[in-house]
PDB file of N, CA and C in Angstrom:
ATOM      1  N   UNK A   1       0.803  -1.035   0.067  1.00  0.00           N
ATOM      2  CA  UNK A   1      -0.073   0.088   0.037  1.00  0.00           C
ATOM      3  C   UNK A   1       0.789   1.390   0.213  1.00  0.00           C
ATOM      4  N   UNK A   2       0.639   2.148  -0.871  1.00  0.00           N
ATOM      5  CA  UNK A   2       1.388   3.398  -0.865  1.00  0.00           C
ATOM      6  C   UNK A   2       0.836   4.506  -0.051  1.00  0.00           C
ATOM      7  N   UNK A   3       1.707   5.370   0.265  1.00  0.00           N
ATOM      8  CA  UNK A   3       1.385   6.415   1.301  1.00  0.00           C
ATOM      9  C   UNK A   3       0.692   7.719   0.256  1.00  0.00           C
ATOM     10  N   UNK A   4      -0.094   8.504   1.172  1.00  0.00           N
ATOM     11  CA  UNK A   4      -0.834   9.562   0.354  1.00  0.00           C
ATOM     12  C   UNK A   4      -0.207  10.650   0.972  1.00  0.00           C
ATOM     13  N   UNK A   5       0.219  11.787   0.131  1.00  0.00           N
ATOM     14  CA  UNK A   5       0.875  12.951   0.598  1.00  0.00           C
ATOM     15  C   UNK A   5       0.014  14.058   0.258  1.00  0.00           C
ATOM     16  N   UNK A   6      -0.328  14.919   1.130  1.00  0.00           N
ATOM     17  CA  UNK A   6      -1.229  15.997   1.052  1.00  0.00           C
ATOM     18  C   UNK A   6      -0.554  17.286   1.608  1.00  0.00           C
ATOM     19  N   UNK A   7      -0.810  18.323   0.767  1.00  0.00           N
ATOM     20  CA  UNK A   7      -0.510  19.671   1.311  1.00  0.00           C
ATOM     21  C   UNK A   7      -1.299  20.394   2.109  1.00  0.00           C
ATOM     22  N   UNK A   8      -0.883  21.181   3.053  1.00  0.00           N
ATOM     23  CA  UNK A   8      -1.753  22.312   3.720  1.00  0.00           C
ATOM     24  C   UNK A   8      -2.016  23.130   2.689  1.00  0.00           C
ATOM     25  N   UNK A   9      -3.119  23.827   2.906  1.00  0.00           N
ATOM     26  CA  UNK A   9      -3.318  25.177   2.248  1.00  0.00           C
ATOM     27  C   UNK A   9      -2.080  26.195   2.049  1.00  0.00           C
ATOM     28  N   UNK A  10      -1.491  26.300   3.180  1.00  0.00           N
ATOM     29  CA  UNK A  10      -0.411  27.301   3.190  1.00  0.00           C
ATOM     30  C   UNK A  10       0.708  26.795   2.257  1.00  0.00           C
ATOM     31  N   UNK A  11       1.096  25.601   2.752  1.00  0.00           N
ATOM     32  CA  UNK A  11       2.176  24.883   1.934  1.00  0.00           C
ATOM     33  C   UNK A  11       1.794  24.868   0.293  1.00  0.00           C
ATOM     34  N   UNK A  12       0.830  24.601  -0.096  1.00  0.00           N
ATOM     35  CA  UNK A  12       0.410  24.594  -1.550  1.00  0.00           C
ATOM     36  C   UNK A  12       0.707  25.977  -2.108  1.00  0.00           C
ATOM     37  N   UNK A  13       0.144  27.134  -1.325  1.00  0.00           N
ATOM     38  CA  UNK A  13       0.494  28.505  -1.829  1.00  0.00           C
ATOM     39  C   UNK A  13       2.003  28.682  -1.897  1.00  0.00           C
ATOM     40  N   UNK A  14       2.907  28.207  -0.996  1.00  0.00           N
ATOM     41  CA  UNK A  14       4.414  28.182  -0.817  1.00  0.00           C
ATOM     42  C   UNK A  14       4.854  27.687  -2.099  1.00  0.00           C
ATOM     43  N   UNK A  15       4.455  26.443  -2.560  1.00  0.00           N
ATOM     44  CA  UNK A  15       5.049  25.789  -3.523  1.00  0.00           C
ATOM     45  C   UNK A  15       4.890  26.678  -4.824  1.00  0.00           C
ATOM     46  N   UNK A  16       3.955  27.329  -4.867  1.00  0.00           N
ATOM     47  CA  UNK A  16       3.816  28.227  -6.263  1.00  0.00           C
ATOM     48  C   UNK A  16       4.740  29.349  -6.288  1.00  0.00           C
ATOM     49  N   UNK A  17       5.493  29.677  -4.979  1.00  0.00           N
ATOM     50  CA  UNK A  17       6.495  30.828  -5.162  1.00  0.00           C
ATOM     51  C   UNK A  17       7.860  30.115  -5.330  1.00  0.00           C
ATOM     52  N   UNK A  18       8.148  28.857  -5.285  1.00  0.00           N
ATOM     53  CA  UNK A  18       9.146  28.169  -5.797  1.00  0.00           C
ATOM     54  C   UNK A  18       9.660  28.350  -7.024  1.00  0.00           C
ATOM     55  N   UNK A  19      10.999  28.318  -7.331  1.00  0.00           N
ATOM     56  CA  UNK A  19      11.622  28.296  -8.605  1.00  0.00           C
ATOM     57  C   UNK A  19      11.170  26.988  -9.434  1.00  0.00           C
ATOM     58  N   UNK A  20      10.936  26.636 -10.428  1.00  0.00           N
ATOM     59  CA  UNK A  20      10.628  25.630 -11.133  1.00  0.00           C
ATOM     60  C   UNK A  20      11.549  24.505 -10.785  1.00  0.00           C
ATOM     61  N   UNK A  21      12.851  24.623 -10.629  1.00  0.00           N
ATOM     62  CA  UNK A  21      13.934  23.638 -10.355  1.00  0.00           C
ATOM     63  C   UNK A  21      13.589  23.094  -8.836  1.00  0.00           C
ATOM     64  N   UNK A  22      13.028  24.024  -7.972  1.00  0.00           N
ATOM     65  CA  UNK A  22      12.752  23.486  -6.565  1.00  0.00           C
ATOM     66  C   UNK A  22      11.444  22.911  -6.648  1.00  0.00           C
ATOM     67  N   UNK A  23      10.589  23.375  -7.358  1.00  0.00           N
ATOM     68  CA  UNK A  23       9.266  22.610  -7.533  1.00  0.00           C
ATOM     69  C   UNK A  23       9.401  21.250  -8.003  1.00  0.00           C
ATOM     70  N   UNK A  24      10.296  21.124  -8.929  1.00  0.00           N
ATOM     71  CA  UNK A  24      10.631  19.791  -9.584  1.00  0.00           C
ATOM     72  C   UNK A  24      11.409  18.711  -8.492  1.00  0.00           C
ATOM     73  N   UNK A  25      12.107  19.476  -7.669  1.00  0.00           N
ATOM     74  CA  UNK A  25      12.961  18.623  -6.528  1.00  0.00           C
ATOM     75  C   UNK A  25      11.751  18.035  -5.676  1.00  0.00           C
ATOM     76  N   UNK A  26      10.897  19.028  -5.499  1.00  0.00           N
ATOM     77  CA  UNK A  26      10.005  18.639  -4.240  1.00  0.00           C
ATOM     78  C   UNK A  26       8.993  17.631  -4.834  1.00  0.00           C
ATOM     79  N   UNK A  27       8.608  17.740  -6.174  1.00  0.00           N
ATOM     80  CA  UNK A  27       7.824  16.805  -6.834  1.00  0.00           C
ATOM     81  C   UNK A  27       8.463  15.483  -6.724  1.00  0.00           C
ATOM     82  N   UNK A  28       9.716  15.353  -6.977  1.00  0.00           N
ATOM     83  CA  UNK A  28      10.487  14.023  -6.646  1.00  0.00           C
ATOM     84  C   UNK A  28      10.439  13.579  -5.421  1.00  0.00           C
ATOM     85  N   UNK A  29      10.668  14.263  -4.440  1.00  0.00           N
ATOM     86  CA  UNK A  29      10.593  14.087  -2.977  1.00  0.00           C
ATOM     87  C   UNK A  29       8.960  13.396  -2.729  1.00  0.00           C
ATOM     88  N   UNK A  30       8.202  14.069  -3.071  1.00  0.00           N
ATOM     89  CA  UNK A  30       6.671  13.780  -2.824  1.00  0.00           C
ATOM     90  C   UNK A  30       6.633  12.255  -3.359  1.00  0.00           C
ATOM     91  N   UNK A  31       6.889  12.076  -4.739  1.00  0.00           N
ATOM     92  CA  UNK A  31       6.634  10.888  -5.035  1.00  0.00           C
ATOM     93  C   UNK A  31       7.652   9.590  -4.321  1.00  0.00           C
ATOM     94  N   UNK A  32       8.846   9.884  -4.090  1.00  0.00           N
ATOM     95  CA  UNK A  32       9.577   9.051  -3.286  1.00  0.00           C
ATOM     96  C   UNK A  32       8.700   8.924  -1.914  1.00  0.00           C
ATOM     97  N   UNK A  33       8.131   9.916  -1.308  1.00  0.00           N
ATOM     98  CA  UNK A  33       7.318   9.628  -0.130  1.00  0.00           C
ATOM     99  C   UNK A  33       6.187   8.790  -0.285  1.00  0.00           C
ATOM    100  N   UNK A  34       5.462   8.963  -1.476  1.00  0.00           N
ATOM    101  CA  UNK A  34       4.343   8.082  -1.774  1.00  0.00           C
ATOM    102  C   UNK A  34       4.654   6.628  -1.963  1.00  0.00           C
ATOM    103  N   UNK A  35       5.922   6.215  -2.458  1.00  0.00           N
ATOM    104  CA  UNK A  35       6.148   5.109  -2.826  1.00  0.00           C
ATOM    105  C   UNK A  35       6.988   4.355  -1.512  1.00  0.00           C
ATOM    106  N   UNK A  36       7.822   5.359  -0.854  1.00  0.00           N
ATOM    107  CA  UNK A  36       8.399   4.563   0.171  1.00  0.00           C
ATOM    108  C   UNK A  36       8.293   5.139   1.657  1.00  0.00           C
ATOM    109  N   UNK A  37       7.227   5.947   1.925  1.00  0.00           N
ATOM    110  CA  UNK A  37       6.990   6.478   3.212  1.00  0.00           C
ATOM    111  C   UNK A  37       7.872   7.795   3.613  1.00  0.00           C
ATOM    112  N   UNK A  38       7.548   8.328   4.729  1.00  0.00           N
ATOM    113  CA  UNK A  38       8.047   9.576   5.363  1.00  0.00           C
ATOM    114  C   UNK A  38       9.475   9.631   5.756  1.00  0.00           C
ATOM    115  N   UNK A  39      10.238   8.459   5.922  1.00  0.00           N
ATOM    116  CA  UNK A  39      11.625   8.597   6.177  1.00  0.00           C
ATOM    117  C   UNK A  39      12.456   8.546   5.125  1.00  0.00           C
ATOM    118  N   UNK A  40      12.915   9.607   4.551  1.00  0.00           N
ATOM    119  CA  UNK A  40      13.700   9.849   3.463  1.00  0.00           C
ATOM    120  C   UNK A  40      15.218   9.944   3.677  1.00  0.00           C
ATOM    121  N   UNK A  41      15.777   9.020   4.422  1.00  0.00           N
ATOM    122  CA  UNK A  41      17.324   9.099   4.851  1.00  0.00           C
ATOM    123  C   UNK A  41      18.032   9.292   3.731  1.00  0.00           C
ATOM    124  N   UNK A  42      17.651   8.864   2.494  1.00  0.00           N
ATOM    125  CA  UNK A  42      18.508   8.851   1.089  1.00  0.00           C
ATOM    126  C   UNK A  42      18.527  10.133   0.586  1.00  0.00           C
ATOM    127  N   UNK A  43      17.734  11.153   1.104  1.00  0.00           N
ATOM    128  CA  UNK A  43      17.880  12.447   0.387  1.00  0.00           C
ATOM    129  C   UNK A  43      18.981  13.363   1.382  1.00  0.00           C
ATOM    130  N   UNK A  44      19.690  14.327   0.532  1.00  0.00           N
ATOM    131  CA  UNK A  44      20.538  14.963   1.183  1.00  0.00           C
ATOM    132  C   UNK A  44      19.825  16.079   2.276  1.00  0.00           C
ATOM    133  N   UNK A  45      20.577  16.235   3.394  1.00  0.00           N
ATOM    134  CA  UNK A  45      20.178  17.209   4.345  1.00  0.00           C
ATOM    135  C   UNK A  45      18.699  16.855   4.829  1.00  0.00           C
ATOM    136  N   UNK A  46      18.494  15.539   4.858  1.00  0.00           N
ATOM    137  CA  UNK A  46      17.195  15.161   5.424  1.00  0.00           C
ATOM    138  C   UNK A  46      17.456  14.880   6.940  1.00  0.00           C
ATOM    139  N   UNK A  47      16.418  15.315   7.740  1.00  0.00           N
ATOM    140  CA  UNK A  47      16.504  14.951   9.066  1.00  0.00           C
ATOM    141  C   UNK A  47      15.222  14.809   9.780  1.00  0.00           C
ATOM    142  N   UNK A  48      15.115  14.075  10.873  1.00  0.00           N
ATOM    143  CA  UNK A  48      13.897  13.924  11.746  1.00  0.00           C
ATOM    144  C   UNK A  48      13.808  15.218  12.599  1.00  0.00           C
ATOM    145  N   UNK A  49      12.695  15.608  12.709  1.00  0.00           N
ATOM    146  CA  UNK A  49      12.485  16.952  13.554  1.00  0.00           C
ATOM    147  C   UNK A  49      11.869  16.274  15.010  1.00  0.00           C
ATOM    148  N   UNK A  50      11.049  15.302  14.892  1.00  0.00           N
ATOM    149  CA  UNK A  50      10.396  14.852  15.949  1.00  0.00           C
ATOM    150  C   UNK A  50       9.974  13.341  15.813  1.00  0.00           C
ATOM    151  N   UNK A  51       9.182  12.741  16.561  1.00  0.00           N
ATOM    152  CA  UNK A  51       8.823  11.125  16.328  1.00  0.00           C
ATOM    153  C   UNK A  51       8.124  11.180  15.105  1.00  0.00           C
ATOM    154  N   UNK A  52       7.194  12.149  14.541  1.00  0.00           N
ATOM    155  CA  UNK A  52       6.486  11.961  13.286  1.00  0.00           C
ATOM    156  C   UNK A  52       6.699  13.129  12.334  1.00  0.00           C
ATOM    157  N   UNK A  53       7.742  13.897  12.528  1.00  0.00           N
ATOM    158  CA  UNK A  53       8.090  15.367  11.895  1.00  0.00           C
ATOM    159  C   UNK A  53       9.363  15.194  11.256  1.00  0.00           C
ATOM    160  N   UNK A  54       9.371  15.564   9.889  1.00  0.00           N
ATOM    161  CA  UNK A  54      10.708  15.440   9.044  1.00  0.00           C
ATOM    162  C   UNK A  54      10.844  16.658   8.462  1.00  0.00           C
ATOM    163  N   UNK A  55      12.202  16.821   7.866  1.00  0.00           N
ATOM    164  CA  UNK A  55      12.318  18.112   6.797  1.00  0.00           C
ATOM    165  C   UNK A  55      13.659  17.706   6.059  1.00  0.00           C
ATOM    166  N   UNK A  56      13.716  18.240   4.856  1.00  0.00           N
ATOM    167  CA  UNK A  56      14.778  17.932   3.953  1.00  0.00           C
ATOM    168  C   UNK A  56      14.876  19.424   3.013  1.00  0.00           C
ATOM    169  N   UNK A  57      16.204  19.533   2.845  1.00  0.00           N
ATOM    170  CA  UNK A  57      16.486  20.728   2.129  1.00  0.00           C
ATOM    171  C   UNK A  57      16.454  20.265   0.543  1.00  0.00           C
ATOM    172  N   UNK A  58      15.749  21.224  -0.108  1.00  0.00           N
ATOM    173  CA  UNK A  58      15.455  21.237  -1.633  1.00  0.00           C
ATOM    174  C   UNK A  58      16.714  21.553  -2.300  1.00  0.00           C
ATOM    175  N   UNK A  59      17.104  22.579  -1.816  1.00  0.00           N
ATOM    176  CA  UNK A  59      18.421  23.336  -2.073  1.00  0.00           C
ATOM    177  C   UNK A  59      19.017  23.945  -0.982  1.00  0.00           C
ATOM    178  N   UNK A  60      20.043  24.687  -0.986  1.00  0.00           N
ATOM    179  CA  UNK A  60      20.810  25.434  -0.116  1.00  0.00           C
ATOM    180  C   UNK A  60      19.863  26.323   0.762  1.00  0.00           C
ATOM    181  N   UNK A  61      19.193  27.067   0.223  1.00  0.00           N
ATOM    182  CA  UNK A  61      18.133  27.878   0.688  1.00  0.00           C
ATOM    183  C   UNK A  61      16.730  27.520   0.896  1.00  0.00           C
ATOM    184  N   UNK A  62      16.380  26.468   0.180  1.00  0.00           N
ATOM    185  CA  UNK A  62      15.006  25.915   0.459  1.00  0.00           C
ATOM    186  C   UNK A  62      14.773  24.556   1.113  1.00  0.00           C
ATOM    187  N   UNK A  63      13.593  24.454   1.831  1.00  0.00           N
ATOM    188  CA  UNK A  63      13.407  23.296   2.619  1.00  0.00           C
ATOM    189  C   UNK A  63      11.957  23.167   2.530  1.00  0.00           C
ATOM    190  N   UNK A  64      11.775  21.695   2.958  1.00  0.00           N
ATOM    191  CA  UNK A  64      10.182  21.179   2.881  1.00  0.00           C
ATOM    192  C   UNK A  64      10.151  20.353   4.266  1.00  0.00           C
ATOM    193  N   UNK A  65       9.199  20.525   4.953  1.00  0.00           N
ATOM    194  CA  UNK A  65       8.708  19.865   6.194  1.00  0.00           C
ATOM    195  C   UNK A  65       7.447  19.096   6.074  1.00  0.00           C
ATOM    196  N   UNK A  66       7.472  18.064   6.715  1.00  0.00           N
ATOM    197  CA  UNK A  66       6.310  17.299   6.575  1.00  0.00           C
ATOM    198  C   UNK A  66       6.153  16.501   7.888  1.00  0.00           C
ATOM    199  N   UNK A  67       4.844  15.889   8.148  1.00  0.00           N
ATOM    200  CA  UNK A  67       4.476  15.029   9.138  1.00  0.00           C
ATOM    201  C   UNK A  67       3.721  13.784   8.929  1.00  0.00           C
ATOM    202  N   UNK A  68       3.795  12.834   9.669  1.00  0.00           N
ATOM    203  CA  UNK A  68       2.658  11.736   9.573  1.00  0.00           C
ATOM    204  C   UNK A  68       1.466  12.048  10.289  1.00  0.00           C
ATOM    205  N   UNK A  69       0.382  12.207   9.716  1.00  0.00           N
ATOM    206  CA  UNK A  69      -0.780  12.498  10.200  1.00  0.00           C
ATOM    207  C   UNK A  69      -1.516  11.507  10.715  1.00  0.00           C
ATOM    208  N   UNK A  70      -1.537  10.192   9.753  1.00  0.00           N
ATOM    209  CA  UNK A  70      -2.238   8.947  10.141  1.00  0.00           C
ATOM    210  C   UNK A  70      -1.398   7.818   9.883  1.00  0.00           C
ATOM    211  N   UNK A  71      -0.811   7.074  10.663  1.00  0.00           N
ATOM    212  CA  UNK A  71       0.066   6.210  10.354  1.00  0.00           C
ATOM    213  C   UNK A  71      -0.732   5.073   9.934  1.00  0.00           C
ATOM    214  N   UNK A  72      -2.077   4.757  10.467  1.00  0.00           N
ATOM    215  CA  UNK A  72      -2.885   3.563   9.857  1.00  0.00           C
ATOM    216  C   UNK A  72      -3.330   3.563   8.504  1.00  0.00           C
ATOM    217  N   UNK A  73      -3.685   4.883   8.089  1.00  0.00           N
ATOM    218  CA  UNK A  73      -3.944   5.079   6.593  1.00  0.00           C
ATOM    219  C   UNK A  73      -2.810   5.432   5.909  1.00  0.00           C
ATOM    220  N   UNK A  74      -1.832   5.598   6.427  1.00  0.00           N
ATOM    221  CA  UNK A  74      -0.599   6.198   5.685  1.00  0.00           C
ATOM    222  C   UNK A  74      -0.840   7.288   5.102  1.00  0.00           C
ATOM    223  N   UNK A  75      -0.932   8.469   5.862  1.00  0.00           N
ATOM    224  CA  UNK A  75      -1.285   9.632   5.215  1.00  0.00           C
ATOM    225  C   UNK A  75      -0.004  10.703   5.818  1.00  0.00           C
ATOM    226  N   UNK A  76       0.556  11.346   4.895  1.00  0.00           N
ATOM    227  CA  UNK A  76       1.662  12.470   5.054  1.00  0.00           C
ATOM    228  C   UNK A  76       1.198  13.675   4.851  1.00  0.00           C
ATOM    229  N   UNK A  77       1.494  14.684   5.720  1.00  0.00           N
ATOM    230  CA  UNK A  77       1.125  16.218   5.383  1.00  0.00           C
ATOM    231  C   UNK A  77       2.295  17.077   5.220  1.00  0.00           C
ATOM    232  N   UNK A  78       2.412  17.567   4.093  1.00  0.00           N
ATOM    233  CA  UNK A  78       3.486  18.477   3.765  1.00  0.00           C
ATOM    234  C   UNK A  78       2.957  19.871   4.265  1.00  0.00           C
ATOM    235  N   UNK A  79       3.600  20.489   5.495  1.00  0.00           N
ATOM    236  CA  UNK A  79       2.979  21.755   5.989  1.00  0.00           C
ATOM    237  C   UNK A  79       3.826  22.976   5.772  1.00  0.00           C
ATOM    238  N   UNK A  80       5.121  22.768   5.069  1.00  0.00           N
ATOM    239  CA  UNK A  80       5.810  23.952   4.804  1.00  0.00           C
ATOM    240  C   UNK A  80       6.861  23.681   3.536  1.00  0.00           C
ATOM    241  N   UNK A  81       6.882  24.733   2.827  1.00  0.00           N
ATOM    242  CA  UNK A  81       7.737  24.581   1.498  1.00  0.00           C
ATOM    243  C   UNK A  81       8.230  25.913   1.220  1.00  0.00           C
ATOM    244  N   UNK A  82       9.247  26.158   1.631  1.00  0.00           N
ATOM    245  CA  UNK A  82       9.915  27.599   1.451  1.00  0.00           C
ATOM    246  C   UNK A  82      11.408  27.818   1.886  1.00  0.00           C
ATOM    247  N   UNK A  83      11.503  29.103   2.420  1.00  0.00           N
ATOM    248  CA  UNK A  83      13.049  29.376   2.629  1.00  0.00           C
ATOM    249  C   UNK A  83      13.395  28.724   3.763  1.00  0.00           C
ATOM    250  N   UNK A  84      14.530  28.546   3.962  1.00  0.00           N
ATOM    251  CA  UNK A  84      15.356  27.898   5.025  1.00  0.00           C
ATOM    252  C   UNK A  84      15.217  28.754   6.487  1.00  0.00           C
ATOM    253  N   UNK A  85      15.184  30.286   5.825  1.00  0.00           N
ATOM    254  CA  UNK A  85      15.278  31.226   7.143  1.00  0.00           C
ATOM    255  C   UNK A  85      13.863  31.161   7.962  1.00  0.00           C
ATOM    256  N   UNK A  86      12.978  30.838   7.212  1.00  0.00           N
ATOM    257  CA  UNK A  86      11.458  31.068   7.713  1.00  0.00           C
ATOM    258  C   UNK A  86      10.955  29.713   8.171  1.00  0.00           C
ATOM    259  N   UNK A  87      11.714  28.701   8.029  1.00  0.00           N
ATOM    260  CA  UNK A  87      11.080  27.410   8.234  1.00  0.00           C
ATOM    261  C   UNK A  87      10.799  27.177   9.820  1.00  0.00           C
ATOM    262  N   UNK A  88       9.865  26.437   9.980  1.00  0.00           N
ATOM    263  CA  UNK A  88       9.082  26.170  11.359  1.00  0.00           C
ATOM    264  C   UNK A  88       9.678  25.140  12.103  1.00  0.00           C
ATOM    265  N   UNK A  89      10.934  25.212  12.339  1.00  0.00           N
ATOM    266  CA  UNK A  89      11.840  24.313  13.187  1.00  0.00           C
ATOM    267  C   UNK A  89      12.721  24.855  14.064  1.00  0.00           C
TER     268      UNK A  89
END
């Protein structure tokens, strides 16, 4: 069973402000999470922020943050996609 990845409304708006190459990187990350789950240790600058919260740098200045919202139905929520300086961690 694959994972479902959803974006909060705020994160969806943030994605639209990213440059195309960073949106493409985020799309690859989302696809990887759909296939393999939220723990993406194979990505550069990935780390666990809490028990069910994670982040990964899309580029030097850009980051995505996500959390597992329901482990039973395999639901991941991306709650931030934007600059590293404003990241909520």
